[in-house]
Amino acid sequence: MDLIYNQKEIPEEQWRYGFRSSAATGCGWIATYNALRILGYRAKPEDLIRYYERQLPLIHGNAGTSFWGPTVCFRQWGFPTKTVLDRRKFDAEARNADACVLFYWWRRGFRVGRHFVALEYRDGGFVGYNTYSNSSGPDHYGESLEAFLDKRGYFGAVLLAIRDKRPEKNKLTLEETQ
């Protein structure tokens, strides 16, 4: 499974997102890409970037991805999804999902930002991808997403729980489903 673990390692000219680099604003399409990989699909980063740039044509990727973007994307592609706003329900919904995308706000001093990560539940707890600016592999969140978010002071979180739309034995590439 080829996942993107750290968007900061993407060269500035590779996979531009609007006028900015994916290293700066690409976490939304990267979370979508990683969630598709968790589900067993192949996707081209260029296609996902183009999809999201068209979703908000005035912003054109320059301010990142809208928090509802992945939900619209996965639903449009026919995946059963559930959007969860109540952090107390994140753990149960994420455990029952095949893949998830988590959106949250963070704050460090006077700096405020937002971020998307793809994650999955495995034996031993939740594992996320592209979580930190220094991530070099899967990031272990522990047994509770709520506790993970609370410990770091992340707020305004939204969980997208995604179920695969096909039986396990009939995995197709994303291109084959369109």
C-alpha atoms as a PDB file:
ATOM      1  CA  MET A   1       0.000   0.000   0.000  1.00  0.00           C
ATOM      2  CA  ASP A   2       1.658   3.246  -1.169  1.00  0.00           C
ATOM      3  CA  LEU A   3       0.599   5.885   1.336  1.00  0.00           C
ATOM      4  CA  ILE A   4       1.720   9.466   1.722  1.00  0.00           C
ATOM      5  CA  TYR A   5       3.061   9.755   5.273  1.00  0.00           C
ATOM      6  CA  ASN A   6       4.270  13.345   5.239  1.00  0.00           C
ATOM      7  CA  GLN A   7       3.037  16.032   2.868  1.00  0.00           C
ATOM      8  CA  LYS A   8       5.993  18.264   3.813  1.00  0.00           C
ATOM      9  CA  GLU A   9       8.253  15.850   1.922  1.00  0.00           C
ATOM     10  CA  ILE A  10       6.467  16.467  -1.398  1.00  0.00           C
ATOM     11  CA  PRO A  11       8.730  18.626  -3.596  1.00  0.00           C
ATOM     12  CA  GLU A  12       7.352  22.136  -4.046  1.00  0.00           C
ATOM     13  CA  GLU A  13       6.769  21.796  -7.805  1.00  0.00           C
ATOM     14  CA  GLN A  14       5.228  18.319  -7.631  1.00  0.00           C
ATOM     15  CA  TRP A  15       1.444  18.118  -7.385  1.00  0.00           C
ATOM     16  CA  ARG A  16       0.697  21.834  -7.170  1.00  0.00           C
ATOM     17  CA  TYR A  17      -2.620  22.591  -5.471  1.00  0.00           C
ATOM     18  CA  GLY A  18      -3.836  25.820  -6.998  1.00  0.00           C
ATOM     19  CA  PHE A  19      -1.001  28.336  -6.773  1.00  0.00           C
ATOM     20  CA  ARG A  20       0.510  26.656  -3.720  1.00  0.00           C
ATOM     21  CA  SER A  21       2.415  23.477  -3.083  1.00  0.00           C
ATOM     22  CA  SER A  22       0.719  20.335  -1.810  1.00  0.00           C
ATOM     23  CA  ALA A  23       3.265  20.452   1.011  1.00  0.00           C
ATOM     24  CA  ALA A  24       1.506  23.631   2.205  1.00  0.00           C
ATOM     25  CA  THR A  25      -2.191  22.974   1.496  1.00  0.00           C
ATOM     26  CA  GLY A  26      -2.563  19.409   0.239  1.00  0.00           C
ATOM     27  CA  CYS A  27      -3.753  17.560   3.341  1.00  0.00           C
ATOM     28  CA  GLY A  28      -7.349  17.219   2.041  1.00  0.00           C
ATOM     29  CA  TRP A  29      -6.514  15.489  -1.216  1.00  0.00           C
ATOM     30  CA  ILE A  30      -3.769  13.513   0.566  1.00  0.00           C
ATOM     31  CA  ALA A  31      -6.259  12.235   3.175  1.00  0.00           C
ATOM     32  CA  THR A  32      -8.580  11.239   0.317  1.00  0.00           C
ATOM     33  CA  TYR A  33      -5.723   9.486  -1.492  1.00  0.00           C
ATOM     34  CA  ASN A  34      -4.652   7.655   1.676  1.00  0.00           C
ATOM     35  CA  ALA A  35      -8.245   6.623   2.502  1.00  0.00           C
ATOM     36  CA  LEU A  36      -8.627   5.219  -1.018  1.00  0.00           C
ATOM     37  CA  ARG A  37      -5.368   3.283  -0.568  1.00  0.00           C
ATOM     38  CA  ILE A  38      -6.595   1.912   2.782  1.00  0.00           C
ATOM     39  CA  LEU A  39      -9.718   0.749   0.943  1.00  0.00           C
ATOM     40  CA  GLY A  40      -7.587  -0.927  -1.715  1.00  0.00           C
ATOM     41  CA  TYR A  41      -8.133   1.527  -4.574  1.00  0.00           C
ATOM     42  CA  ARG A  42      -5.570   3.202  -6.791  1.00  0.00           C
ATOM     43  CA  ALA A  43      -5.875   6.902  -7.491  1.00  0.00           C
ATOM     44  CA  LYS A  44      -3.657   9.415  -9.236  1.00  0.00           C
ATOM     45  CA  PRO A  45      -2.792  12.463  -7.115  1.00  0.00           C
ATOM     46  CA  GLU A  46      -3.206  14.684 -10.188  1.00  0.00           C
ATOM     47  CA  ASP A  47      -6.813  13.505 -10.624  1.00  0.00           C
ATOM     48  CA  LEU A  48      -7.691  14.139  -6.977  1.00  0.00           C
ATOM     49  CA  ILE A  49      -6.123  17.597  -7.063  1.00  0.00           C
ATOM     50  CA  ARG A  50      -8.066  18.483 -10.220  1.00  0.00           C
ATOM     51  CA  TYR A  51     -11.294  17.179  -8.617  1.00  0.00           C
ATOM     52  CA  TYR A  52     -10.855  19.329  -5.496  1.00  0.00           C
ATOM     53  CA  GLU A  53      -9.750  22.406  -7.423  1.00  0.00           C
ATOM     54  CA  ARG A  54     -13.017  22.219  -9.376  1.00  0.00           C
ATOM     55  CA  GLN A  55     -15.029  21.738  -6.183  1.00  0.00           C
ATOM     56  CA  LEU A  56     -14.270  25.309  -5.051  1.00  0.00           C
ATOM     57  CA  PRO A  57     -13.257  27.102  -8.253  1.00  0.00           C
ATOM     58  CA  LEU A  58     -12.795  30.550  -6.702  1.00  0.00           C
ATOM     59  CA  ILE A  59     -10.411  29.261  -4.059  1.00  0.00           C
ATOM     60  CA  HIS A  60      -8.869  26.725  -6.483  1.00  0.00           C
ATOM     61  CA  GLY A  61      -7.049  24.789  -3.748  1.00  0.00           C
ATOM     62  CA  ASN A  62      -5.182  27.845  -2.471  1.00  0.00           C
ATOM     63  CA  ALA A  63      -6.785  27.694   0.954  1.00  0.00           C
ATOM     64  CA  GLY A  64      -6.746  23.906   1.105  1.00  0.00           C
ATOM     65  CA  THR A  65      -9.796  21.676   0.983  1.00  0.00           C
ATOM     66  CA  SER A  66     -13.209  22.479   2.442  1.00  0.00           C
ATOM     67  CA  PHE A  67     -14.129  20.357   5.462  1.00  0.00           C
ATOM     68  CA  TRP A  68     -17.057  18.840   3.536  1.00  0.00           C
ATOM     69  CA  GLY A  69     -14.926  18.070   0.463  1.00  0.00           C
ATOM     70  CA  PRO A  70     -14.037  14.435   1.234  1.00  0.00           C
ATOM     71  CA  THR A  71     -17.636  13.646   2.192  1.00  0.00           C
ATOM     72  CA  VAL A  72     -18.922  14.965  -1.130  1.00  0.00           C
ATOM     73  CA  CYS A  73     -16.149  13.127  -2.966  1.00  0.00           C
ATOM     74  CA  PHE A  74     -16.702   9.688  -1.432  1.00  0.00           C
ATOM     75  CA  ARG A  75     -20.486   9.941  -1.686  1.00  0.00           C
ATOM     76  CA  GLN A  76     -20.257  10.996  -5.327  1.00  0.00           C
ATOM     77  CA  TRP A  77     -18.144   7.900  -5.969  1.00  0.00           C
ATOM     78  CA  GLY A  78     -20.797   5.685  -4.366  1.00  0.00           C
ATOM     79  CA  PHE A  79     -19.150   4.879  -1.033  1.00  0.00           C
ATOM     80  CA  PRO A  80     -21.463   4.526   1.972  1.00  0.00           C
ATOM     81  CA  THR A  81     -20.358   7.228   4.406  1.00  0.00           C
ATOM     82  CA  LYS A  82     -21.330   8.659   7.729  1.00  0.00           C
ATOM     83  CA  THR A  83     -20.362  12.139   8.887  1.00  0.00           C
ATOM     84  CA  VAL A  84     -19.943  12.327  12.654  1.00  0.00           C
ATOM     85  CA  LEU A  85     -19.779  15.613  14.576  1.00  0.00           C
ATOM     86  CA  ASP A  86     -20.016  14.258  18.136  1.00  0.00           C
ATOM     87  CA  ARG A  87     -16.487  13.335  19.285  1.00  0.00           C
ATOM     88  CA  ARG A  88     -17.935  10.887  21.806  1.00  0.00           C
ATOM     89  CA  LYS A  89     -19.171   8.797  18.846  1.00  0.00           C
ATOM     90  CA  PHE A  90     -15.922   8.890  16.849  1.00  0.00           C
ATOM     91  CA  ASP A  91     -14.449   5.698  18.313  1.00  0.00           C
ATOM     92  CA  ALA A  92     -17.477   3.486  17.662  1.00  0.00           C
ATOM     93  CA  GLU A  93     -18.049   4.819  14.143  1.00  0.00           C
ATOM     94  CA  ALA A  94     -14.374   4.607  13.184  1.00  0.00           C
ATOM     95  CA  ARG A  95     -14.078   1.023  14.452  1.00  0.00           C
ATOM     96  CA  ASN A  96     -16.974   0.021  12.190  1.00  0.00           C
ATOM     97  CA  ALA A  97     -15.597   1.821   9.133  1.00  0.00           C
ATOM     98  CA  ASP A  98     -13.200   0.455   6.539  1.00  0.00           C
ATOM     99  CA  ALA A  99     -11.366   3.806   6.389  1.00  0.00           C
ATOM    100  CA  CYS A 100     -11.872   7.289   7.818  1.00  0.00           C
ATOM    101  CA  VAL A 101     -10.954  10.885   7.130  1.00  0.00           C
ATOM    102  CA  LEU A 102     -10.609  13.108  10.178  1.00  0.00           C
ATOM    103  CA  PHE A 103     -10.720  16.902   9.960  1.00  0.00           C
ATOM    104  CA  TYR A 104      -9.716  19.086  12.908  1.00  0.00           C
ATOM    105  CA  TRP A 105      -8.518  22.535  13.878  1.00  0.00           C
ATOM    106  CA  TRP A 106      -5.272  23.049  15.815  1.00  0.00           C
ATOM    107  CA  ARG A 107      -3.775  25.970  17.663  1.00  0.00           C
ATOM    108  CA  ARG A 108      -0.197  26.812  18.664  1.00  0.00           C
ATOM    109  CA  GLY A 109       0.108  30.165  20.368  1.00  0.00           C
ATOM    110  CA  PHE A 110      -1.421  32.696  18.011  1.00  0.00           C
ATOM    111  CA  ARG A 111      -1.304  30.334  15.027  1.00  0.00           C
ATOM    112  CA  VAL A 112      -4.482  28.493  14.119  1.00  0.00           C
ATOM    113  CA  GLY A 113      -4.782  25.948  11.339  1.00  0.00           C
ATOM    114  CA  ARG A 114      -6.732  22.963  10.147  1.00  0.00           C
ATOM    115  CA  HIS A 115      -5.724  19.526   8.962  1.00  0.00           C
ATOM    116  CA  PHE A 116      -7.075  16.338   7.380  1.00  0.00           C
ATOM    117  CA  VAL A 117      -5.736  12.845   8.055  1.00  0.00           C
ATOM    118  CA  ALA A 118      -6.760   9.410   6.844  1.00  0.00           C
ATOM    119  CA  LEU A 119      -6.971   6.732   9.510  1.00  0.00           C
ATOM    120  CA  GLU A 120      -8.039   3.189  10.186  1.00  0.00           C
ATOM    121  CA  TYR A 121      -8.627   0.962  13.174  1.00  0.00           C
ATOM    122  CA  ARG A 122      -6.282  -1.975  13.612  1.00  0.00           C
ATOM    123  CA  ASP A 123      -5.582  -4.369  16.438  1.00  0.00           C
ATOM    124  CA  GLY A 124      -3.823  -2.151  18.918  1.00  0.00           C
ATOM    125  CA  GLY A 125      -5.718   1.020  18.132  1.00  0.00           C
ATOM    126  CA  PHE A 126      -6.169   3.755  15.579  1.00  0.00           C
ATOM    127  CA  VAL A 127      -3.484   4.472  13.017  1.00  0.00           C
ATOM    128  CA  GLY A 128      -3.322   7.711  11.043  1.00  0.00           C
ATOM    129  CA  TYR A 129      -1.371   8.842   8.019  1.00  0.00           C
ATOM    130  CA  ASN A 130       0.145  12.297   7.344  1.00  0.00           C
ATOM    131  CA  THR A 131      -0.571  13.408  10.905  1.00  0.00           C
ATOM    132  CA  TYR A 132       2.439  15.523  11.827  1.00  0.00           C
ATOM    133  CA  SER A 133       4.956  17.653   9.960  1.00  0.00           C
ATOM    134  CA  ASN A 134       7.640  15.156  11.001  1.00  0.00           C
ATOM    135  CA  SER A 135       5.721  11.911  10.312  1.00  0.00           C
ATOM    136  CA  SER A 136       7.786   9.245   8.576  1.00  0.00           C
ATOM    137  CA  GLY A 137       5.330   6.354   8.740  1.00  0.00           C
ATOM    138  CA  PRO A 138       2.019   5.380  10.313  1.00  0.00           C
ATOM    139  CA  ASP A 139       1.144   7.386  13.436  1.00  0.00           C
ATOM    140  CA  HIS A 140      -0.368   5.462  16.335  1.00  0.00           C
ATOM    141  CA  TYR A 141      -3.223   7.327  18.012  1.00  0.00           C
ATOM    142  CA  GLY A 142      -4.085   4.773  20.683  1.00  0.00           C
ATOM    143  CA  GLU A 143      -7.475   3.228  21.429  1.00  0.00           C
ATOM    144  CA  SER A 144      -9.502   6.454  21.431  1.00  0.00           C
ATOM    145  CA  LEU A 145      -9.767   9.215  18.839  1.00  0.00           C
ATOM    146  CA  GLU A 146     -11.500  11.415  21.389  1.00  0.00           C
ATOM    147  CA  ALA A 147      -8.566  11.026  23.797  1.00  0.00           C
ATOM    148  CA  PHE A 148      -6.079  11.644  20.962  1.00  0.00           C
ATOM    149  CA  LEU A 149      -7.820  14.903  19.998  1.00  0.00           C
ATOM    150  CA  ASP A 150      -8.228  16.028  23.624  1.00  0.00           C
ATOM    151  CA  LYS A 151      -4.579  15.351  24.505  1.00  0.00           C
ATOM    152  CA  ARG A 152      -3.380  17.561  21.658  1.00  0.00           C
ATOM    153  CA  GLY A 153      -5.987  20.278  22.100  1.00  0.00           C
ATOM    154  CA  TYR A 154      -7.426  19.783  18.611  1.00  0.00           C
ATOM    155  CA  PHE A 155     -10.940  21.172  18.207  1.00  0.00           C
ATOM    156  CA  GLY A 156     -13.781  21.499  15.686  1.00  0.00           C
ATOM    157  CA  ALA A 157     -13.276  17.909  14.585  1.00  0.00           C
ATOM    158  CA  VAL A 158     -15.412  16.104  11.996  1.00  0.00           C
ATOM    159  CA  LEU A 159     -15.076  12.375  11.257  1.00  0.00           C
ATOM    160  CA  LEU A 160     -15.974  10.840   7.915  1.00  0.00           C
ATOM    161  CA  ALA A 161     -16.479   7.086   8.329  1.00  0.00           C
ATOM    162  CA  ILE A 162     -16.257   5.274   4.983  1.00  0.00           C
ATOM    163  CA  ARG A 163     -17.406   1.766   4.103  1.00  0.00           C
ATOM    164  CA  ASP A 164     -16.110  -0.032   1.043  1.00  0.00           C
ATOM    165  CA  LYS A 165     -18.715  -0.293  -1.683  1.00  0.00           C
ATOM    166  CA  ARG A 166     -17.559  -3.667  -3.053  1.00  0.00           C
ATOM    167  CA  PRO A 167     -17.087  -7.197  -1.809  1.00  0.00           C
ATOM    168  CA  GLU A 168     -13.474  -7.863  -0.793  1.00  0.00           C
ATOM    169  CA  LYS A 169     -12.826 -10.270  -3.665  1.00  0.00           C
ATOM    170  CA  ASN A 170     -13.927  -7.803  -6.350  1.00  0.00           C
ATOM    171  CA  LYS A 171     -11.488  -4.930  -5.734  1.00  0.00           C
ATOM    172  CA  LEU A 172     -11.203  -2.639  -8.744  1.00  0.00           C
ATOM    173  CA  THR A 173      -9.146   0.447  -9.388  1.00  0.00           C
ATOM    174  CA  LEU A 174     -10.900   3.765  -8.981  1.00  0.00           C
ATOM    175  CA  GLU A 175     -10.530   4.331 -12.727  1.00  0.00           C
ATOM    176  CA  GLU A 176     -12.469   1.112 -13.400  1.00  0.00           C
ATOM    177  CA  THR A 177     -15.423   2.256 -11.281  1.00  0.00           C
ATOM    178  CA  GLN A 178     -15.983   5.519 -13.148  1.00  0.00           C
END
